[in-house]
Amino acid sequence: MTRIKISVVKGFTVEEVFQGEPPDHLPDDFTSPCPIHLEGQEFILDNSLGCPAGFCSWAYADIQKDLVDLYFGSDYYSERKVNWVTCTDGLRPVVFRIEKVEN
């Protein structure tokens, strides 16, 4: 059975993205990293490529093509079974480590 593990590596703050000078018009709740994904969280996909419970559906849509490539063993992943991908949130992006886990 092929399994994919998604690990949350890092969530960036607006200050980190804009190097200390964020836009003035952002709401107050944008001062912290993404509230959905915390560093160290792990999600396992077992024989399914559906969005796991508790995973941001927008982030999943962003990384789904990489998950499919990894799951089906595309040429890109022929020698390695790990990749780092990010969601496309331009204000508070999250970096994920995805890896193929064989039983």
PDB file of N, CA and C in Angstrom:
ATOM      1  N   MET A   1       0.841  -1.178   0.000  1.00  0.00           N
ATOM      2  CA  MET A   1       0.000   0.000   0.000  1.00  0.00           C
ATOM      3  C   MET A   1       0.888   1.243   0.000  1.00  0.00           C
ATOM      4  N   THR A   2       0.573   2.171  -0.842  1.00  0.00           N
ATOM      5  CA  THR A   2       1.305   3.437  -0.898  1.00  0.00           C
ATOM      6  C   THR A   2       0.639   4.444   0.033  1.00  0.00           C
ATOM      7  N   ARG A   3       1.452   5.072   0.841  1.00  0.00           N
ATOM      8  CA  ARG A   3       0.952   6.125   1.725  1.00  0.00           C
ATOM      9  C   ARG A   3       1.793   7.370   1.508  1.00  0.00           C
ATOM     10  N   ILE A   4       1.163   8.504   1.696  1.00  0.00           N
ATOM     11  CA  ILE A   4       1.849   9.790   1.602  1.00  0.00           C
ATOM     12  C   ILE A   4       1.735  10.476   2.963  1.00  0.00           C
ATOM     13  N   LYS A   5       2.869  10.931   3.471  1.00  0.00           N
ATOM     14  CA  LYS A   5       2.856  11.691   4.728  1.00  0.00           C
ATOM     15  C   LYS A   5       3.104  13.151   4.400  1.00  0.00           C
ATOM     16  N   ILE A   6       2.236  14.006   4.919  1.00  0.00           N
ATOM     17  CA  ILE A   6       2.378  15.455   4.778  1.00  0.00           C
ATOM     18  C   ILE A   6       2.745  15.995   6.152  1.00  0.00           C
ATOM     19  N   SER A   7       3.889  16.658   6.257  1.00  0.00           N
ATOM     20  CA  SER A   7       4.323  17.262   7.516  1.00  0.00           C
ATOM     21  C   SER A   7       4.367  18.775   7.352  1.00  0.00           C
ATOM     22  N   VAL A   8       3.877  19.475   8.359  1.00  0.00           N
ATOM     23  CA  VAL A   8       3.939  20.938   8.342  1.00  0.00           C
ATOM     24  C   VAL A   8       5.320  21.342   8.850  1.00  0.00           C
ATOM     25  N   VAL A   9       6.094  21.997   7.975  1.00  0.00           N
ATOM     26  CA  VAL A   9       7.466  22.378   8.308  1.00  0.00           C
ATOM     27  C   VAL A   9       7.499  23.757   8.951  1.00  0.00           C
ATOM     28  N   LYS A  10       6.849  24.731   8.322  1.00  0.00           N
ATOM     29  CA  LYS A  10       6.890  26.103   8.844  1.00  0.00           C
ATOM     30  C   LYS A  10       5.762  26.933   8.278  1.00  0.00           C
ATOM     31  N   GLY A  11       5.177  27.734   9.137  1.00  0.00           N
ATOM     32  CA  GLY A  11       4.216  28.741   8.722  1.00  0.00           C
ATOM     33  C   GLY A  11       4.850  30.110   8.905  1.00  0.00           C
ATOM     34  N   PHE A  12       4.809  30.919   7.878  1.00  0.00           N
ATOM     35  CA  PHE A  12       5.438  32.238   7.933  1.00  0.00           C
ATOM     36  C   PHE A  12       4.435  33.311   8.346  1.00  0.00           C
ATOM     37  N   THR A  13       4.924  34.337   9.004  1.00  0.00           N
ATOM     38  CA  THR A  13       4.092  35.482   9.357  1.00  0.00           C
ATOM     39  C   THR A  13       4.161  36.521   8.247  1.00  0.00           C
ATOM     40  N   VAL A  14       3.248  37.459   8.287  1.00  0.00           N
ATOM     41  CA  VAL A  14       3.253  38.548   7.314  1.00  0.00           C
ATOM     42  C   VAL A  14       4.553  39.346   7.424  1.00  0.00           C
ATOM     43  N   GLU A  15       5.009  39.549   8.657  1.00  0.00           N
ATOM     44  CA  GLU A  15       6.254  40.298   8.859  1.00  0.00           C
ATOM     45  C   GLU A  15       7.448  39.597   8.211  1.00  0.00           C
ATOM     46  N   GLU A  16       7.474  38.264   8.300  1.00  0.00           N
ATOM     47  CA  GLU A  16       8.561  37.519   7.663  1.00  0.00           C
ATOM     48  C   GLU A  16       8.487  37.616   6.140  1.00  0.00           C
ATOM     49  N   VAL A  17       7.292  37.527   5.612  1.00  0.00           N
ATOM     50  CA  VAL A  17       7.115  37.586   4.156  1.00  0.00           C
ATOM     51  C   VAL A  17       7.522  38.955   3.621  1.00  0.00           C
ATOM     52  N   PHE A  18       7.100  40.006   4.318  1.00  0.00           N
ATOM     53  CA  PHE A  18       7.369  41.365   3.844  1.00  0.00           C
ATOM     54  C   PHE A  18       8.600  41.980   4.504  1.00  0.00           C
ATOM     55  N   GLN A  19       9.396  41.178   5.169  1.00  0.00           N
ATOM     56  CA  GLN A  19      10.627  41.605   5.827  1.00  0.00           C
ATOM     57  C   GLN A  19      10.416  42.810   6.737  1.00  0.00           C
ATOM     58  N   GLY A  20       9.396  42.691   7.592  1.00  0.00           N
ATOM     59  CA  GLY A  20       9.155  43.702   8.613  1.00  0.00           C
ATOM     60  C   GLY A  20       8.286  44.864   8.202  1.00  0.00           C
ATOM     61  N   GLU A  21       7.880  44.960   6.944  1.00  0.00           N
ATOM     62  CA  GLU A  21       7.067  46.084   6.490  1.00  0.00           C
ATOM     63  C   GLU A  21       5.796  45.596   5.795  1.00  0.00           C
ATOM     64  N   PRO A  22       4.849  45.016   6.566  1.00  0.00           N
ATOM     65  CA  PRO A  22       3.621  44.506   5.940  1.00  0.00           C
ATOM     66  C   PRO A  22       2.733  45.640   5.439  1.00  0.00           C
ATOM     67  N   PRO A  23       1.859  45.344   4.492  1.00  0.00           N
ATOM     68  CA  PRO A  23       0.913  46.361   4.014  1.00  0.00           C
ATOM     69  C   PRO A  23       0.052  46.883   5.155  1.00  0.00           C
ATOM     70  N   ASP A  24      -0.364  48.136   5.063  1.00  0.00           N
ATOM     71  CA  ASP A  24      -1.145  48.787   6.117  1.00  0.00           C
ATOM     72  C   ASP A  24      -2.580  48.282   6.222  1.00  0.00           C
ATOM     73  N   HIS A  25      -3.131  47.768   5.145  1.00  0.00           N
ATOM     74  CA  HIS A  25      -4.563  47.473   5.100  1.00  0.00           C
ATOM     75  C   HIS A  25      -4.954  46.081   5.603  1.00  0.00           C
ATOM     76  N   LEU A  26      -4.038  45.321   6.207  1.00  0.00           N
ATOM     77  CA  LEU A  26      -4.356  43.961   6.632  1.00  0.00           C
ATOM     78  C   LEU A  26      -5.130  43.938   7.945  1.00  0.00           C
ATOM     79  N   PRO A  27      -6.052  42.996   8.100  1.00  0.00           N
ATOM     80  CA  PRO A  27      -6.776  42.857   9.370  1.00  0.00           C
ATOM     81  C   PRO A  27      -5.816  42.444  10.492  1.00  0.00           C
ATOM     82  N   ASP A  28      -6.208  42.695  11.734  1.00  0.00           N
ATOM     83  CA  ASP A  28      -5.357  42.387  12.886  1.00  0.00           C
ATOM     84  C   ASP A  28      -5.023  40.902  12.998  1.00  0.00           C
ATOM     85  N   ASP A  29      -5.930  40.013  12.564  1.00  0.00           N
ATOM     86  CA  ASP A  29      -5.685  38.582  12.721  1.00  0.00           C
ATOM     87  C   ASP A  29      -4.645  38.041  11.743  1.00  0.00           C
ATOM     88  N   PHE A  30      -4.090  38.896  10.921  1.00  0.00           N
ATOM     89  CA  PHE A  30      -3.046  38.473   9.986  1.00  0.00           C
ATOM     90  C   PHE A  30      -1.642  38.670  10.557  1.00  0.00           C
ATOM     91  N   THR A  31      -1.535  38.979  11.830  1.00  0.00           N
ATOM     92  CA  THR A  31      -0.216  39.183  12.426  1.00  0.00           C
ATOM     93  C   THR A  31       0.455  37.865  12.815  1.00  0.00           C
ATOM     94  N   SER A  32      -0.308  36.784  12.887  1.00  0.00           N
ATOM     95  CA  SER A  32       0.252  35.483  13.250  1.00  0.00           C
ATOM     96  C   SER A  32       0.337  34.597  12.013  1.00  0.00           C
ATOM     97  N   PRO A  33       1.087  33.482  12.117  1.00  0.00           N
ATOM     98  CA  PRO A  33       1.122  32.544  10.987  1.00  0.00           C
ATOM     99  C   PRO A  33      -0.257  31.926  10.760  1.00  0.00           C
ATOM    100  N   CYS A  34      -0.391  31.160   9.697  1.00  0.00           N
ATOM    101  CA  CYS A  34      -1.637  30.472   9.375  1.00  0.00           C
ATOM    102  C   CYS A  34      -2.199  29.800  10.628  1.00  0.00           C
ATOM    103  N   PRO A  35      -3.465  30.054  10.965  1.00  0.00           N
ATOM    104  CA  PRO A  35      -4.036  29.462  12.172  1.00  0.00           C
ATOM    105  C   PRO A  35      -4.461  27.997  11.998  1.00  0.00           C
ATOM    106  N   ILE A  36      -4.466  27.498  10.774  1.00  0.00           N
ATOM    107  CA  ILE A  36      -4.932  26.129  10.530  1.00  0.00           C
ATOM    108  C   ILE A  36      -3.813  25.110  10.700  1.00  0.00           C
ATOM    109  N   HIS A  37      -2.623  25.437  10.205  1.00  0.00           N
ATOM    110  CA  HIS A  37      -1.518  24.480  10.239  1.00  0.00           C
ATOM    111  C   HIS A  37      -0.424  24.936  11.197  1.00  0.00           C
ATOM    112  N   LEU A  38      -0.074  24.043  12.108  1.00  0.00           N
ATOM    113  CA  LEU A  38       0.963  24.322  13.093  1.00  0.00           C
ATOM    114  C   LEU A  38       2.191  23.471  12.794  1.00  0.00           C
ATOM    115  N   GLU A  39       3.351  24.023  13.020  1.00  0.00           N
ATOM    116  CA  GLU A  39       4.591  23.295  12.774  1.00  0.00           C
ATOM    117  C   GLU A  39       4.572  21.970  13.525  1.00  0.00           C
ATOM    118  N   GLY A  40       4.955  20.910  12.808  1.00  0.00           N
ATOM    119  CA  GLY A  40       4.994  19.585  13.413  1.00  0.00           C
ATOM    120  C   GLY A  40       3.766  18.723  13.149  1.00  0.00           C
ATOM    121  N   GLN A  41       2.676  19.313  12.691  1.00  0.00           N
ATOM    122  CA  GLN A  41       1.489  18.514  12.361  1.00  0.00           C
ATOM    123  C   GLN A  41       1.832  17.524  11.261  1.00  0.00           C
ATOM    124  N   GLU A  42       1.187  16.351  11.318  1.00  0.00           N
ATOM    125  CA  GLU A  42       1.379  15.350  10.270  1.00  0.00           C
ATOM    126  C   GLU A  42       0.026  14.821   9.825  1.00  0.00           C
ATOM    127  N   PHE A  43      -0.072  14.554   8.533  1.00  0.00           N
ATOM    128  CA  PHE A  43      -1.280  13.998   7.927  1.00  0.00           C
ATOM    129  C   PHE A  43      -0.854  12.823   7.063  1.00  0.00           C
ATOM    130  N   ILE A  44      -1.618  11.735   7.100  1.00  0.00           N
ATOM    131  CA  ILE A  44      -1.305  10.550   6.309  1.00  0.00           C
ATOM    132  C   ILE A  44      -2.428  10.313   5.307  1.00  0.00           C
ATOM    133  N   LEU A  45      -2.041  10.104   4.040  1.00  0.00           N
ATOM    134  CA  LEU A  45      -2.995   9.740   2.993  1.00  0.00           C
ATOM    135  C   LEU A  45      -2.815   8.254   2.730  1.00  0.00           C
ATOM    136  N   ASP A  46      -3.828   7.457   3.030  1.00  0.00           N
ATOM    137  CA  ASP A  46      -3.798   6.007   2.810  1.00  0.00           C
ATOM    138  C   ASP A  46      -4.641   5.648   1.603  1.00  0.00           C
ATOM    139  N   ASN A  47      -4.018   5.245   0.510  1.00  0.00           N
ATOM    140  CA  ASN A  47      -4.729   4.783  -0.692  1.00  0.00           C
ATOM    141  C   ASN A  47      -5.831   5.724  -1.147  1.00  0.00           C
ATOM    142  N   SER A  48      -5.713   6.971  -0.822  1.00  0.00           N
ATOM    143  CA  SER A  48      -6.676   7.971  -1.249  1.00  0.00           C
ATOM    144  C   SER A  48      -5.936   9.287  -1.381  1.00  0.00           C
ATOM    145  N   LEU A  49      -6.333  10.056  -2.342  1.00  0.00           N
ATOM    146  CA  LEU A  49      -5.716  11.371  -2.485  1.00  0.00           C
ATOM    147  C   LEU A  49      -6.694  12.475  -2.127  1.00  0.00           C
ATOM    148  N   GLY A  50      -7.699  12.134  -1.312  1.00  0.00           N
ATOM    149  CA  GLY A  50      -8.651  13.140  -0.849  1.00  0.00           C
ATOM    150  C   GLY A  50      -8.043  13.984   0.259  1.00  0.00           C
ATOM    151  N   CYS A  51      -8.565  15.172   0.420  1.00  0.00           N
ATOM    152  CA  CYS A  51      -8.075  16.094   1.443  1.00  0.00           C
ATOM    153  C   CYS A  51      -8.297  15.492   2.831  1.00  0.00           C
ATOM    154  N   PRO A  52      -7.232  15.353   3.634  1.00  0.00           N
ATOM    155  CA  PRO A  52      -7.393  14.773   4.969  1.00  0.00           C
ATOM    156  C   PRO A  52      -8.159  15.699   5.908  1.00  0.00           C
ATOM    157  N   ALA A  53      -8.809  15.109   6.880  1.00  0.00           N
ATOM    158  CA  ALA A  53      -9.564  15.877   7.875  1.00  0.00           C
ATOM    159  C   ALA A  53      -8.627  16.848   8.581  1.00  0.00           C
ATOM    160  N   GLY A  54      -9.085  18.080   8.734  1.00  0.00           N
ATOM    161  CA  GLY A  54      -8.308  19.097   9.422  1.00  0.00           C
ATOM    162  C   GLY A  54      -7.298  19.825   8.558  1.00  0.00           C
ATOM    163  N   PHE A  55      -7.195  19.444   7.293  1.00  0.00           N
ATOM    164  CA  PHE A  55      -6.236  20.079   6.387  1.00  0.00           C
ATOM    165  C   PHE A  55      -6.948  21.185   5.623  1.00  0.00           C
ATOM    166  N   CYS A  56      -6.307  22.319   5.459  1.00  0.00           N
ATOM    167  CA  CYS A  56      -6.889  23.451   4.733  1.00  0.00           C
ATOM    168  C   CYS A  56      -7.173  23.047   3.282  1.00  0.00           C
ATOM    169  N   SER A  57      -8.412  23.192   2.859  1.00  0.00           N
ATOM    170  CA  SER A  57      -8.775  22.778   1.504  1.00  0.00           C
ATOM    171  C   SER A  57      -8.077  23.628   0.443  1.00  0.00           C
ATOM    172  N   TRP A  58      -7.802  24.884   0.742  1.00  0.00           N
ATOM    173  CA  TRP A  58      -7.089  25.747  -0.206  1.00  0.00           C
ATOM    174  C   TRP A  58      -5.642  25.296  -0.351  1.00  0.00           C
ATOM    175  N   ALA A  59      -5.002  24.991   0.771  1.00  0.00           N
ATOM    176  CA  ALA A  59      -3.618  24.498   0.721  1.00  0.00           C
ATOM    177  C   ALA A  59      -3.568  23.155   0.008  1.00  0.00           C
ATOM    178  N   TYR A  60      -4.560  22.308   0.248  1.00  0.00           N
ATOM    179  CA  TYR A  60      -4.584  21.002  -0.410  1.00  0.00           C
ATOM    180  C   TYR A  60      -4.688  21.161  -1.923  1.00  0.00           C
ATOM    181  N   ALA A  61      -5.530  22.082  -2.358  1.00  0.00           N
ATOM    182  CA  ALA A  61      -5.651  22.334  -3.802  1.00  0.00           C
ATOM    183  C   ALA A  61      -4.320  22.806  -4.377  1.00  0.00           C
ATOM    184  N   ASP A  62      -3.569  23.574  -3.603  1.00  0.00           N
ATOM    185  CA  ASP A  62      -2.271  24.070  -4.066  1.00  0.00           C
ATOM    186  C   ASP A  62      -1.233  22.964  -4.223  1.00  0.00           C
ATOM    187  N   ILE A  63      -1.247  21.968  -3.343  1.00  0.00           N
ATOM    188  CA  ILE A  63      -0.199  20.944  -3.362  1.00  0.00           C
ATOM    189  C   ILE A  63      -0.654  19.624  -3.974  1.00  0.00           C
ATOM    190  N   GLN A  64      -1.895  19.539  -4.401  1.00  0.00           N
ATOM    191  CA  GLN A  64      -2.445  18.267  -4.880  1.00  0.00           C
ATOM    192  C   GLN A  64      -1.666  17.680  -6.063  1.00  0.00           C
ATOM    193  N   LYS A  65      -1.257  18.496  -6.999  1.00  0.00           N
ATOM    194  CA  LYS A  65      -0.510  17.969  -8.161  1.00  0.00           C
ATOM    195  C   LYS A  65       0.792  17.320  -7.719  1.00  0.00           C
ATOM    196  N   ASP A  66       1.451  17.875  -6.718  1.00  0.00           N
ATOM    197  CA  ASP A  66       2.684  17.283  -6.200  1.00  0.00           C
ATOM    198  C   ASP A  66       2.393  15.967  -5.483  1.00  0.00           C
ATOM    199  N   LEU A  67       1.276  15.899  -4.777  1.00  0.00           N
ATOM    200  CA  LEU A  67       0.886  14.659  -4.105  1.00  0.00           C
ATOM    201  C   LEU A  67       0.599  13.558  -5.118  1.00  0.00           C
ATOM    202  N   VAL A  68      -0.097  13.901  -6.191  1.00  0.00           N
ATOM    203  CA  VAL A  68      -0.417  12.926  -7.234  1.00  0.00           C
ATOM    204  C   VAL A  68       0.862  12.429  -7.901  1.00  0.00           C
ATOM    205  N   ASP A  69       1.771  13.338  -8.230  1.00  0.00           N
ATOM    206  CA  ASP A  69       3.060  12.948  -8.828  1.00  0.00           C
ATOM    207  C   ASP A  69       3.816  11.984  -7.918  1.00  0.00           C
ATOM    208  N   LEU A  70       3.870  12.311  -6.649  1.00  0.00           N
ATOM    209  CA  LEU A  70       4.579  11.474  -5.691  1.00  0.00           C
ATOM    210  C   LEU A  70       3.886  10.124  -5.529  1.00  0.00           C
ATOM    211  N   TYR A  71       2.584  10.132  -5.409  1.00  0.00           N
ATOM    212  CA  TYR A  71       1.803   8.905  -5.198  1.00  0.00           C
ATOM    213  C   TYR A  71       1.979   7.917  -6.347  1.00  0.00           C
ATOM    214  N   PHE A  72       1.921   8.416  -7.575  1.00  0.00           N
ATOM    215  CA  PHE A  72       1.996   7.543  -8.739  1.00  0.00           C
ATOM    216  C   PHE A  72       3.413   7.364  -9.278  1.00  0.00           C
ATOM    217  N   GLY A  73       4.401   7.938  -8.600  1.00  0.00           N
ATOM    218  CA  GLY A  73       5.796   7.703  -8.958  1.00  0.00           C
ATOM    219  C   GLY A  73       6.209   8.276 -10.292  1.00  0.00           C
ATOM    220  N   SER A  74       5.931   9.547 -10.520  1.00  0.00           N
ATOM    221  CA  SER A  74       6.340  10.172 -11.776  1.00  0.00           C
ATOM    222  C   SER A  74       7.861  10.190 -11.893  1.00  0.00           C
ATOM    223  N   ASP A  75       8.366  10.461 -13.072  1.00  0.00           N
ATOM    224  CA  ASP A  75       9.810  10.510 -13.303  1.00  0.00           C
ATOM    225  C   ASP A  75      10.502  11.508 -12.370  1.00  0.00           C
ATOM    226  N   TYR A  76       9.799  12.560 -12.011  1.00  0.00           N
ATOM    227  CA  TYR A  76      10.372  13.577 -11.127  1.00  0.00           C
ATOM    228  C   TYR A  76      10.784  12.960  -9.795  1.00  0.00           C
ATOM    229  N   TYR A  77      10.025  11.959  -9.353  1.00  0.00           N
ATOM    230  CA  TYR A  77      10.281  11.328  -8.057  1.00  0.00           C
ATOM    231  C   TYR A  77      10.938   9.960  -8.175  1.00  0.00           C
ATOM    232  N   SER A  78      11.530   9.638  -9.312  1.00  0.00           N
ATOM    233  CA  SER A  78      12.057   8.296  -9.520  1.00  0.00           C
ATOM    234  C   SER A  78      13.152   7.913  -8.520  1.00  0.00           C
ATOM    235  N   GLU A  79      13.988   8.846  -8.115  1.00  0.00           N
ATOM    236  CA  GLU A  79      15.078   8.513  -7.206  1.00  0.00           C
ATOM    237  C   GLU A  79      14.883   9.046  -5.796  1.00  0.00           C
ATOM    238  N   ARG A  80      13.974   9.936  -5.620  1.00  0.00           N
ATOM    239  CA  ARG A  80      13.730  10.443  -4.272  1.00  0.00           C
ATOM    240  C   ARG A  80      12.250  10.336  -3.962  1.00  0.00           C
ATOM    241  N   LYS A  81      11.953  10.283  -2.710  1.00  0.00           N
ATOM    242  CA  LYS A  81      10.567  10.089  -2.311  1.00  0.00           C
ATOM    243  C   LYS A  81      10.090  11.220  -1.401  1.00  0.00           C
ATOM    244  N   VAL A  82      10.760  12.363  -1.496  1.00  0.00           N
ATOM    245  CA  VAL A  82      10.451  13.501  -0.634  1.00  0.00           C
ATOM    246  C   VAL A  82      10.453  14.777  -1.463  1.00  0.00           C
ATOM    247  N   ASN A  83       9.581  15.707  -1.102  1.00  0.00           N
ATOM    248  CA  ASN A  83       9.610  17.031  -1.721  1.00  0.00           C
ATOM    249  C   ASN A  83       9.089  18.046  -0.711  1.00  0.00           C
ATOM    250  N   TRP A  84       9.440  19.301  -0.908  1.00  0.00           N
ATOM    251  CA  TRP A  84       8.944  20.392  -0.087  1.00  0.00           C
ATOM    252  C   TRP A  84       8.089  21.275  -0.984  1.00  0.00           C
ATOM    253  N   VAL A  85       6.875  21.576  -0.521  1.00  0.00           N
ATOM    254  CA  VAL A  85       5.935  22.371  -1.298  1.00  0.00           C
ATOM    255  C   VAL A  85       5.289  23.403  -0.376  1.00  0.00           C
ATOM    256  N   THR A  86       4.719  24.439  -0.978  1.00  0.00           N
ATOM    257  CA  THR A  86       4.053  25.472  -0.180  1.00  0.00           C
ATOM    258  C   THR A  86       2.659  25.732  -0.711  1.00  0.00           C
ATOM    259  N   CYS A  87       1.831  26.240   0.164  1.00  0.00           N
ATOM    260  CA  CYS A  87       0.543  26.741  -0.292  1.00  0.00           C
ATOM    261  C   CYS A  87       0.797  28.099  -0.950  1.00  0.00           C
ATOM    262  N   THR A  88      -0.165  28.601  -1.657  1.00  0.00           N
ATOM    263  CA  THR A  88       0.042  29.863  -2.384  1.00  0.00           C
ATOM    264  C   THR A  88      -0.502  31.084  -1.651  1.00  0.00           C
ATOM    265  N   ASP A  89      -0.674  30.979  -0.352  1.00  0.00           N
ATOM    266  CA  ASP A  89      -1.084  32.141   0.434  1.00  0.00           C
ATOM    267  C   ASP A  89       0.086  33.116   0.437  1.00  0.00           C
ATOM    268  N   GLY A  90      -0.063  34.220  -0.235  1.00  0.00           N
ATOM    269  CA  GLY A  90       1.031  35.182  -0.370  1.00  0.00           C
ATOM    270  C   GLY A  90       1.308  35.980   0.881  1.00  0.00           C
ATOM    271  N   LEU A  91       0.418  35.938   1.866  1.00  0.00           N
ATOM    272  CA  LEU A  91       0.617  36.698   3.090  1.00  0.00           C
ATOM    273  C   LEU A  91       1.124  35.840   4.238  1.00  0.00           C
ATOM    274  N   ARG A  92       0.636  34.589   4.331  1.00  0.00           N
ATOM    275  CA  ARG A  92       1.042  33.683   5.408  1.00  0.00           C
ATOM    276  C   ARG A  92       1.259  32.273   4.842  1.00  0.00           C
ATOM    277  N   PRO A  93       2.250  32.082   3.994  1.00  0.00           N
ATOM    278  CA  PRO A  93       2.439  30.766   3.380  1.00  0.00           C
ATOM    279  C   PRO A  93       2.885  29.714   4.398  1.00  0.00           C
ATOM    280  N   VAL A  94       2.586  28.470   4.067  1.00  0.00           N
ATOM    281  CA  VAL A  94       2.991  27.330   4.885  1.00  0.00           C
ATOM    282  C   VAL A  94       3.811  26.386   4.006  1.00  0.00           C
ATOM    283  N   VAL A  95       4.925  25.908   4.550  1.00  0.00           N
ATOM    284  CA  VAL A  95       5.777  24.949   3.853  1.00  0.00           C
ATOM    285  C   VAL A  95       5.445  23.549   4.368  1.00  0.00           C
ATOM    286  N   PHE A  96       5.254  22.621   3.416  1.00  0.00           N
ATOM    287  CA  PHE A  96       4.941  21.235   3.742  1.00  0.00           C
ATOM    288  C   PHE A  96       6.039  20.331   3.202  1.00  0.00           C
ATOM    289  N   ARG A  97       6.341  19.280   3.932  1.00  0.00           N
ATOM    290  CA  ARG A  97       7.237  18.219   3.464  1.00  0.00           C
ATOM    291  C   ARG A  97       6.333  17.045   3.119  1.00  0.00           C
ATOM    292  N   ILE A  98       6.404  16.586   1.874  1.00  0.00           N
ATOM    293  CA  ILE A  98       5.592  15.444   1.481  1.00  0.00           C
ATOM    294  C   ILE A  98       6.532  14.295   1.167  1.00  0.00           C
ATOM    295  N   GLU A  99       6.166  13.108   1.625  1.00  0.00           N
ATOM    296  CA  GLU A  99       7.020  11.941   1.394  1.00  0.00           C
ATOM    297  C   GLU A  99       6.203  10.696   1.185  1.00  0.00           C
ATOM    298  N   LYS A 100       6.730   9.849   0.319  1.00  0.00           N
ATOM    299  CA  LYS A 100       6.116   8.569   0.035  1.00  0.00           C
ATOM    300  C   LYS A 100       6.590   7.581   1.091  1.00  0.00           C
ATOM    301  N   VAL A 101       5.649   6.905   1.728  1.00  0.00           N
ATOM    302  CA  VAL A 101       5.958   5.959   2.779  1.00  0.00           C
ATOM    303  C   VAL A 101       5.488   4.582   2.328  1.00  0.00           C
ATOM    304  N   GLU A 102       6.423   3.682   2.100  1.00  0.00           N
ATOM    305  CA  GLU A 102       6.091   2.320   1.672  1.00  0.00           C
ATOM    306  C   GLU A 102       5.970   1.428   2.897  1.00  0.00           C
ATOM    307  N   ASN A 103       5.038   0.514   2.840  1.00  0.00           N
ATOM    308  CA  ASN A 103       4.906  -0.472   3.937  1.00  0.00           C
ATOM    309  C   ASN A 103       5.729  -1.698   3.631  1.00  0.00           C
TER     310      ASN A 103
END
